[in-house]
């Protein structure tokens, strides 16, 4: 089962609202602020996961399996919260 993170669900809701209203520029100030907050939280999540995955690949490439496993555990913990 694929879960939807609350941030992604709220982004979808705000996008739907904007579509119904005729564009993101039609959202009220509070909705635009929330949209910006959700986009930042999404960026932070993606950046952190991508960074950890890149470093885990470096650990693998260097043959440091303990370090790789430590990084993979961090990745798994973050991804588990997404479901």
PDB file of N, CA and C in Angstrom:
ATOM      1  N   UNK A   1       0.832  -1.176   0.000  1.00  0.00           N
ATOM      2  CA  UNK A   1       0.000   0.000   0.000  1.00  0.00           C
ATOM      3  C   UNK A   1       0.885   1.250   0.000  1.00  0.00           C
ATOM      4  N   UNK A   2       0.534   2.191  -0.815  1.00  0.00           N
ATOM      5  CA  UNK A   2       1.276   3.439  -0.895  1.00  0.00           C
ATOM      6  C   UNK A   2       0.532   4.487  -0.081  1.00  0.00           C
ATOM      7  N   UNK A   3       1.234   5.085   0.839  1.00  0.00           N
ATOM      8  CA  UNK A   3       0.624   6.118   1.663  1.00  0.00           C
ATOM      9  C   UNK A   3       0.826   7.493   1.068  1.00  0.00           C
ATOM     10  N   UNK A   4       0.035   8.410   1.522  1.00  0.00           N
ATOM     11  CA  UNK A   4       0.160   9.799   1.101  1.00  0.00           C
ATOM     12  C   UNK A   4       0.514  10.629   2.335  1.00  0.00           C
ATOM     13  N   UNK A   5       1.636  11.285   2.270  1.00  0.00           N
ATOM     14  CA  UNK A   5       2.067  12.143   3.371  1.00  0.00           C
ATOM     15  C   UNK A   5       1.081  13.304   3.499  1.00  0.00           C
ATOM     16  N   UNK A   6       0.787  13.738   4.724  1.00  0.00           N
ATOM     17  CA  UNK A   6      -0.157  14.850   4.908  1.00  0.00           C
ATOM     18  C   UNK A   6       0.214  16.108   4.115  1.00  0.00           C
ATOM     19  N   UNK A   7       1.486  16.363   3.956  1.00  0.00           N
ATOM     20  CA  UNK A   7       1.927  17.523   3.169  1.00  0.00           C
ATOM     21  C   UNK A   7       1.472  17.380   1.724  1.00  0.00           C
ATOM     22  N   UNK A   8       1.644  16.175   1.174  1.00  0.00           N
ATOM     23  CA  UNK A   8       1.261  15.954  -0.221  1.00  0.00           C
ATOM     24  C   UNK A   8      -0.258  16.005  -0.395  1.00  0.00           C
ATOM     25  N   UNK A   9      -0.980  15.505   0.595  1.00  0.00           N
ATOM     26  CA  UNK A   9      -2.440  15.570   0.535  1.00  0.00           C
ATOM     27  C   UNK A   9      -2.895  17.039   0.541  1.00  0.00           C
ATOM     28  N   UNK A  10      -2.302  17.840   1.406  1.00  0.00           N
ATOM     29  CA  UNK A  10      -2.694  19.248   1.481  1.00  0.00           C
ATOM     30  C   UNK A  10      -2.310  19.990   0.208  1.00  0.00           C
ATOM     31  N   UNK A  11      -1.149  19.673  -0.369  1.00  0.00           N
ATOM     32  CA  UNK A  11      -0.772  20.273  -1.649  1.00  0.00           C
ATOM     33  C   UNK A  11      -1.813  19.952  -2.715  1.00  0.00           C
ATOM     34  N   UNK A  12      -2.287  18.716  -2.731  1.00  0.00           N
ATOM     35  CA  UNK A  12      -3.314  18.319  -3.703  1.00  0.00           C
ATOM     36  C   UNK A  12      -4.612  19.085  -3.460  1.00  0.00           C
ATOM     37  N   UNK A  13      -4.998  19.231  -2.204  1.00  0.00           N
ATOM     38  CA  UNK A  13      -6.227  19.970  -1.882  1.00  0.00           C
ATOM     39  C   UNK A  13      -6.130  21.422  -2.320  1.00  0.00           C
ATOM     40  N   UNK A  14      -5.002  22.052  -2.037  1.00  0.00           N
ATOM     41  CA  UNK A  14      -4.824  23.450  -2.424  1.00  0.00           C
ATOM     42  C   UNK A  14      -4.773  23.606  -3.946  1.00  0.00           C
ATOM     43  N   UNK A  15      -4.165  22.645  -4.623  1.00  0.00           N
ATOM     44  CA  UNK A  15      -4.123  22.673  -6.084  1.00  0.00           C
ATOM     45  C   UNK A  15      -5.525  22.543  -6.654  1.00  0.00           C
ATOM     46  N   UNK A  16      -6.309  21.635  -6.096  1.00  0.00           N
ATOM     47  CA  UNK A  16      -7.688  21.470  -6.549  1.00  0.00           C
ATOM     48  C   UNK A  16      -8.485  22.747  -6.324  1.00  0.00           C
ATOM     49  N   UNK A  17      -8.316  23.352  -5.170  1.00  0.00           N
ATOM     50  CA  UNK A  17      -9.017  24.601  -4.865  1.00  0.00           C
ATOM     51  C   UNK A  17      -8.623  25.689  -5.865  1.00  0.00           C
ATOM     52  N   UNK A  18      -7.324  25.781  -6.148  1.00  0.00           N
ATOM     53  CA  UNK A  18      -6.844  26.788  -7.097  1.00  0.00           C
ATOM     54  C   UNK A  18      -7.420  26.539  -8.490  1.00  0.00           C
ATOM     55  N   UNK A  19      -7.487  25.288  -8.899  1.00  0.00           N
ATOM     56  CA  UNK A  19      -8.057  24.963 -10.215  1.00  0.00           C
ATOM     57  C   UNK A  19      -9.514  25.387 -10.288  1.00  0.00           C
ATOM     58  N   UNK A  20     -10.257  25.104  -9.228  1.00  0.00           N
ATOM     59  CA  UNK A  20     -11.675  25.464  -9.213  1.00  0.00           C
ATOM     60  C   UNK A  20     -11.877  26.974  -9.244  1.00  0.00           C
ATOM     61  N   UNK A  21     -10.916  27.696  -8.692  1.00  0.00           N
ATOM     62  CA  UNK A  21     -11.033  29.154  -8.626  1.00  0.00           C
ATOM     63  C   UNK A  21     -10.449  29.841  -9.858  1.00  0.00           C
ATOM     64  N   UNK A  22      -9.737  29.097 -10.695  1.00  0.00           N
ATOM     65  CA  UNK A  22      -9.176  29.677 -11.911  1.00  0.00           C
ATOM     66  C   UNK A  22      -7.697  29.992 -11.850  1.00  0.00           C
ATOM     67  N   UNK A  23      -6.987  29.489 -10.859  1.00  0.00           N
ATOM     68  CA  UNK A  23      -5.537  29.681 -10.795  1.00  0.00           C
ATOM     69  C   UNK A  23      -5.048  29.939  -9.381  1.00  0.00           C
ATOM     70  N   UNK A  24      -3.759  29.691  -9.190  1.00  0.00           N
ATOM     71  CA  UNK A  24      -3.157  29.871  -7.867  1.00  0.00           C
ATOM     72  C   UNK A  24      -3.220  31.325  -7.403  1.00  0.00           C
ATOM     73  N   UNK A  25      -3.200  32.242  -8.348  1.00  0.00           N
ATOM     74  CA  UNK A  25      -3.247  33.661  -7.982  1.00  0.00           C
ATOM     75  C   UNK A  25      -4.588  34.064  -7.375  1.00  0.00           C
ATOM     76  N   UNK A  26      -5.567  33.199  -7.492  1.00  0.00           N
ATOM     77  CA  UNK A  26      -6.898  33.491  -6.933  1.00  0.00           C
ATOM     78  C   UNK A  26      -7.064  32.988  -5.497  1.00  0.00           C
ATOM     79  N   UNK A  27      -6.099  32.232  -5.020  1.00  0.00           N
ATOM     80  CA  UNK A  27      -6.166  31.760  -3.633  1.00  0.00           C
ATOM     81  C   UNK A  27      -6.046  32.944  -2.683  1.00  0.00           C
ATOM     82  N   UNK A  28      -6.702  32.835  -1.546  1.00  0.00           N
ATOM     83  CA  UNK A  28      -6.579  33.916  -0.568  1.00  0.00           C
ATOM     84  C   UNK A  28      -5.198  33.853   0.096  1.00  0.00           C
ATOM     85  N   UNK A  29      -4.891  34.885   0.847  1.00  0.00           N
ATOM     86  CA  UNK A  29      -3.566  35.020   1.463  1.00  0.00           C
ATOM     87  C   UNK A  29      -3.218  33.816   2.339  1.00  0.00           C
ATOM     88  N   UNK A  30      -4.154  33.369   3.162  1.00  0.00           N
ATOM     89  CA  UNK A  30      -3.898  32.247   4.080  1.00  0.00           C
ATOM     90  C   UNK A  30      -3.586  30.979   3.294  1.00  0.00           C
ATOM     91  N   UNK A  31      -4.361  30.711   2.237  1.00  0.00           N
ATOM     92  CA  UNK A  31      -4.113  29.524   1.414  1.00  0.00           C
ATOM     93  C   UNK A  31      -2.762  29.606   0.707  1.00  0.00           C
ATOM     94  N   UNK A  32      -2.398  30.788   0.232  1.00  0.00           N
ATOM     95  CA  UNK A  32      -1.085  30.949  -0.423  1.00  0.00           C
ATOM     96  C   UNK A  32       0.048  30.742   0.566  1.00  0.00           C
ATOM     97  N   UNK A  33      -0.131  31.223   1.795  1.00  0.00           N
ATOM     98  CA  UNK A  33       0.886  31.010   2.830  1.00  0.00           C
ATOM     99  C   UNK A  33       1.005  29.519   3.148  1.00  0.00           C
ATOM    100  N   UNK A  34      -0.130  28.850   3.247  1.00  0.00           N
ATOM    101  CA  UNK A  34      -0.105  27.408   3.520  1.00  0.00           C
ATOM    102  C   UNK A  34       0.520  26.643   2.362  1.00  0.00           C
ATOM    103  N   UNK A  35       0.221  27.054   1.149  1.00  0.00           N
ATOM    104  CA  UNK A  35       0.822  26.438  -0.030  1.00  0.00           C
ATOM    105  C   UNK A  35       2.342  26.585   0.010  1.00  0.00           C
ATOM    106  N   UNK A  36       2.797  27.784   0.338  1.00  0.00           N
ATOM    107  CA  UNK A  36       4.238  28.025   0.429  1.00  0.00           C
ATOM    108  C   UNK A  36       4.867  27.154   1.528  1.00  0.00           C
ATOM    109  N   UNK A  37       4.186  27.058   2.659  1.00  0.00           N
ATOM    110  CA  UNK A  37       4.670  26.209   3.750  1.00  0.00           C
ATOM    111  C   UNK A  37       4.768  24.744   3.307  1.00  0.00           C
ATOM    112  N   UNK A  38       3.730  24.250   2.647  1.00  0.00           N
ATOM    113  CA  UNK A  38       3.723  22.860   2.176  1.00  0.00           C
ATOM    114  C   UNK A  38       4.816  22.607   1.142  1.00  0.00           C
ATOM    115  N   UNK A  39       5.019  23.580   0.264  1.00  0.00           N
ATOM    116  CA  UNK A  39       6.061  23.426  -0.754  1.00  0.00           C
ATOM    117  C   UNK A  39       7.448  23.392  -0.116  1.00  0.00           C
ATOM    118  N   UNK A  40       7.665  24.215   0.897  1.00  0.00           N
ATOM    119  CA  UNK A  40       8.946  24.193   1.591  1.00  0.00           C
ATOM    120  C   UNK A  40       9.143  22.867   2.321  1.00  0.00           C
ATOM    121  N   UNK A  41       8.101  22.396   3.000  1.00  0.00           N
ATOM    122  CA  UNK A  41       8.204  21.120   3.707  1.00  0.00           C
ATOM    123  C   UNK A  41       8.465  19.979   2.729  1.00  0.00           C
ATOM    124  N   UNK A  42       7.821  20.025   1.559  1.00  0.00           N
ATOM    125  CA  UNK A  42       8.057  19.004   0.541  1.00  0.00           C
ATOM    126  C   UNK A  42       9.496  19.069   0.041  1.00  0.00           C
ATOM    127  N   UNK A  43       9.979  20.274  -0.228  1.00  0.00           N
ATOM    128  CA  UNK A  43      11.363  20.444  -0.664  1.00  0.00           C
ATOM    129  C   UNK A  43      12.333  19.871   0.365  1.00  0.00           C
ATOM    130  N   UNK A  44      12.120  20.222   1.639  1.00  0.00           N
ATOM    131  CA  UNK A  44      13.006  19.741   2.698  1.00  0.00           C
ATOM    132  C   UNK A  44      13.024  18.215   2.761  1.00  0.00           C
ATOM    133  N   UNK A  45      11.855  17.610   2.629  1.00  0.00           N
ATOM    134  CA  UNK A  45      11.748  16.154   2.664  1.00  0.00           C
ATOM    135  C   UNK A  45      12.478  15.517   1.490  1.00  0.00           C
ATOM    136  N   UNK A  46      12.228  16.009   0.295  1.00  0.00           N
ATOM    137  CA  UNK A  46      12.872  15.458  -0.904  1.00  0.00           C
ATOM    138  C   UNK A  46      14.379  15.673  -0.853  1.00  0.00           C
ATOM    139  N   UNK A  47      14.803  16.861  -0.444  1.00  0.00           N
ATOM    140  CA  UNK A  47      16.232  17.170  -0.372  1.00  0.00           C
ATOM    141  C   UNK A  47      16.943  16.249   0.615  1.00  0.00           C
ATOM    142  N   UNK A  48      16.326  16.050   1.777  1.00  0.00           N
ATOM    143  CA  UNK A  48      16.942  15.193   2.794  1.00  0.00           C
ATOM    144  C   UNK A  48      17.045  13.745   2.304  1.00  0.00           C
ATOM    145  N   UNK A  49      15.963  13.224   1.736  1.00  0.00           N
ATOM    146  CA  UNK A  49      15.995  11.852   1.233  1.00  0.00           C
ATOM    147  C   UNK A  49      17.001  11.694   0.098  1.00  0.00           C
ATOM    148  N   UNK A  50      16.989  12.615  -0.850  1.00  0.00           N
ATOM    149  CA  UNK A  50      17.937  12.533  -1.968  1.00  0.00           C
ATOM    150  C   UNK A  50      19.379  12.623  -1.490  1.00  0.00           C
ATOM    151  N   UNK A  51      19.633  13.485  -0.512  1.00  0.00           N
ATOM    152  CA  UNK A  51      20.989  13.615   0.037  1.00  0.00           C
ATOM    153  C   UNK A  51      21.436  12.325   0.707  1.00  0.00           C
ATOM    154  N   UNK A  52      20.573  11.766   1.536  1.00  0.00           N
ATOM    155  CA  UNK A  52      20.919  10.517   2.216  1.00  0.00           C
ATOM    156  C   UNK A  52      21.148   9.382   1.219  1.00  0.00           C
ATOM    157  N   UNK A  53      20.332   9.319   0.178  1.00  0.00           N
ATOM    158  CA  UNK A  53      20.489   8.268  -0.828  1.00  0.00           C
ATOM    159  C   UNK A  53      21.792   8.447  -1.604  1.00  0.00           C
ATOM    160  N   UNK A  54      22.149   9.685  -1.895  1.00  0.00           N
ATOM    161  CA  UNK A  54      23.420   9.941  -2.592  1.00  0.00           C
ATOM    162  C   UNK A  54      24.606   9.545  -1.722  1.00  0.00           C
ATOM    163  N   UNK A  55      24.545   9.903  -0.445  1.00  0.00           N
ATOM    164  CA  UNK A  55      25.637   9.549   0.466  1.00  0.00           C
ATOM    165  C   UNK A  55      25.698   8.035   0.665  1.00  0.00           C
ATOM    166  N   UNK A  56      24.538   7.391   0.712  1.00  0.00           N
ATOM    167  CA  UNK A  56      24.506   5.925   0.858  1.00  0.00           C
ATOM    168  C   UNK A  56      25.167   5.260  -0.347  1.00  0.00           C
ATOM    169  N   UNK A  57      24.974   5.833  -1.530  1.00  0.00           N
ATOM    170  CA  UNK A  57      25.630   5.287  -2.714  1.00  0.00           C
ATOM    171  C   UNK A  57      27.145   5.452  -2.617  1.00  0.00           C
ATOM    172  N   UNK A  58      27.587   6.595  -2.106  1.00  0.00           N
ATOM    173  CA  UNK A  58      29.020   6.813  -1.913  1.00  0.00           C
ATOM    174  C   UNK A  58      29.578   5.780  -0.930  1.00  0.00           C
ATOM    175  N   UNK A  59      28.842   5.553   0.151  1.00  0.00           N
ATOM    176  CA  UNK A  59      29.270   4.560   1.142  1.00  0.00           C
ATOM    177  C   UNK A  59      29.372   3.180   0.501  1.00  0.00           C
ATOM    178  N   UNK A  60      28.399   2.836  -0.324  1.00  0.00           N
ATOM    179  CA  UNK A  60      28.409   1.553  -1.038  1.00  0.00           C
ATOM    180  C   UNK A  60      29.611   1.478  -1.970  1.00  0.00           C
ATOM    181  N   UNK A  61      29.826   2.555  -2.726  1.00  0.00           N
ATOM    182  CA  UNK A  61      30.921   2.605  -3.695  1.00  0.00           C
ATOM    183  C   UNK A  61      32.277   2.493  -3.003  1.00  0.00           C
ATOM    184  N   UNK A  62      32.367   3.024  -1.770  1.00  0.00           N
ATOM    185  CA  UNK A  62      33.617   2.948  -1.001  1.00  0.00           C
ATOM    186  C   UNK A  62      33.773   1.603  -0.289  1.00  0.00           C
ATOM    187  N   UNK A  63      32.711   0.821  -0.285  1.00  0.00           N
ATOM    188  CA  UNK A  63      32.761  -0.474   0.387  1.00  0.00           C
ATOM    189  C   UNK A  63      32.536  -0.388   1.887  1.00  0.00           C
ATOM    190  N   UNK A  64      32.044   0.736   2.367  1.00  0.00           N
ATOM    191  CA  UNK A  64      31.790   0.907   3.800  1.00  0.00           C
ATOM    192  C   UNK A  64      30.348   0.493   4.093  1.00  0.00           C
ATOM    193  N   UNK A  65      30.157  -0.807   4.293  1.00  0.00           N
ATOM    194  CA  UNK A  65      28.813  -1.343   4.453  1.00  0.00           C
ATOM    195  C   UNK A  65      28.154  -0.920   5.761  1.00  0.00           C
ATOM    196  N   UNK A  66      28.952  -0.709   6.802  1.00  0.00           N
ATOM    197  CA  UNK A  66      28.375  -0.247   8.074  1.00  0.00           C
ATOM    198  C   UNK A  66      27.778   1.152   7.912  1.00  0.00           C
ATOM    199  N   UNK A  67      28.517   2.021   7.269  1.00  0.00           N
ATOM    200  CA  UNK A  67      28.042   3.382   7.029  1.00  0.00           C
ATOM    201  C   UNK A  67      26.807   3.354   6.115  1.00  0.00           C
ATOM    202  N   UNK A  68      26.881   2.538   5.063  1.00  0.00           N
ATOM    203  CA  UNK A  68      25.753   2.425   4.150  1.00  0.00           C
ATOM    204  C   UNK A  68      24.503   1.948   4.889  1.00  0.00           C
ATOM    205  N   UNK A  69      24.670   0.939   5.742  1.00  0.00           N
ATOM    206  CA  UNK A  69      23.527   0.412   6.483  1.00  0.00           C
ATOM    207  C   UNK A  69      22.947   1.476   7.431  1.00  0.00           C
ATOM    208  N   UNK A  70      23.823   2.231   8.066  1.00  0.00           N
ATOM    209  CA  UNK A  70      23.375   3.309   8.954  1.00  0.00           C
ATOM    210  C   UNK A  70      22.542   4.333   8.174  1.00  0.00           C
ATOM    211  N   UNK A  71      23.015   4.703   6.998  1.00  0.00           N
ATOM    212  CA  UNK A  71      22.294   5.662   6.163  1.00  0.00           C
ATOM    213  C   UNK A  71      20.966   5.078   5.673  1.00  0.00           C
ATOM    214  N   UNK A  72      20.987   3.810   5.295  1.00  0.00           N
ATOM    215  CA  UNK A  72      19.757   3.162   4.826  1.00  0.00           C
ATOM    216  C   UNK A  72      18.710   3.071   5.938  1.00  0.00           C
ATOM    217  N   UNK A  73      19.156   2.905   7.162  1.00  0.00           N
ATOM    218  CA  UNK A  73      18.220   2.891   8.287  1.00  0.00           C
ATOM    219  C   UNK A  73      17.566   4.258   8.458  1.00  0.00           C
ATOM    220  N   UNK A  74      18.344   5.324   8.263  1.00  0.00           N
ATOM    221  CA  UNK A  74      17.784   6.677   8.342  1.00  0.00           C
ATOM    222  C   UNK A  74      16.770   6.910   7.222  1.00  0.00           C
ATOM    223  N   UNK A  75      17.121   6.427   6.036  1.00  0.00           N
ATOM    224  CA  UNK A  75      16.223   6.561   4.885  1.00  0.00           C
ATOM    225  C   UNK A  75      14.930   5.785   5.155  1.00  0.00           C
ATOM    226  N   UNK A  76      15.062   4.565   5.630  1.00  0.00           N
ATOM    227  CA  UNK A  76      13.884   3.739   5.924  1.00  0.00           C
ATOM    228  C   UNK A  76      12.987   4.387   6.975  1.00  0.00           C
ATOM    229  N   UNK A  77      13.603   4.989   7.988  1.00  0.00           N
ATOM    230  CA  UNK A  77      12.821   5.648   9.045  1.00  0.00           C
ATOM    231  C   UNK A  77      12.021   6.829   8.482  1.00  0.00           C
ATOM    232  N   UNK A  78      12.639   7.608   7.610  1.00  0.00           N
ATOM    233  CA  UNK A  78      11.932   8.736   7.010  1.00  0.00           C
ATOM    234  C   UNK A  78      10.816   8.240   6.087  1.00  0.00           C
ATOM    235  N   UNK A  79      11.124   7.249   5.259  1.00  0.00           N
ATOM    236  CA  UNK A  79      10.134   6.738   4.328  1.00  0.00           C
ATOM    237  C   UNK A  79       8.973   6.057   5.040  1.00  0.00           C
ATOM    238  N   UNK A  80       9.232   5.453   6.197  1.00  0.00           N
ATOM    239  CA  UNK A  80       8.155   4.811   6.968  1.00  0.00           C
ATOM    240  C   UNK A  80       7.134   5.840   7.440  1.00  0.00           C
ATOM    241  N   UNK A  81       7.587   7.058   7.690  1.00  0.00           N
ATOM    242  CA  UNK A  81       6.682   8.119   8.121  1.00  0.00           C
ATOM    243  C   UNK A  81       5.807   8.638   6.979  1.00  0.00           C
ATOM    244  N   UNK A  82       6.168   8.304   5.756  1.00  0.00           N
ATOM    245  CA  UNK A  82       5.407   8.753   4.600  1.00  0.00           C
ATOM    246  C   UNK A  82       4.146   7.935   4.392  1.00  0.00           C
ATOM    247  N   UNK A  83       4.065   6.797   5.032  1.00  0.00           N
ATOM    248  CA  UNK A  83       2.926   5.910   4.800  1.00  0.00           C
ATOM    249  C   UNK A  83       1.892   6.019   5.889  1.00  0.00           C
TER     250      UNK A  83
END
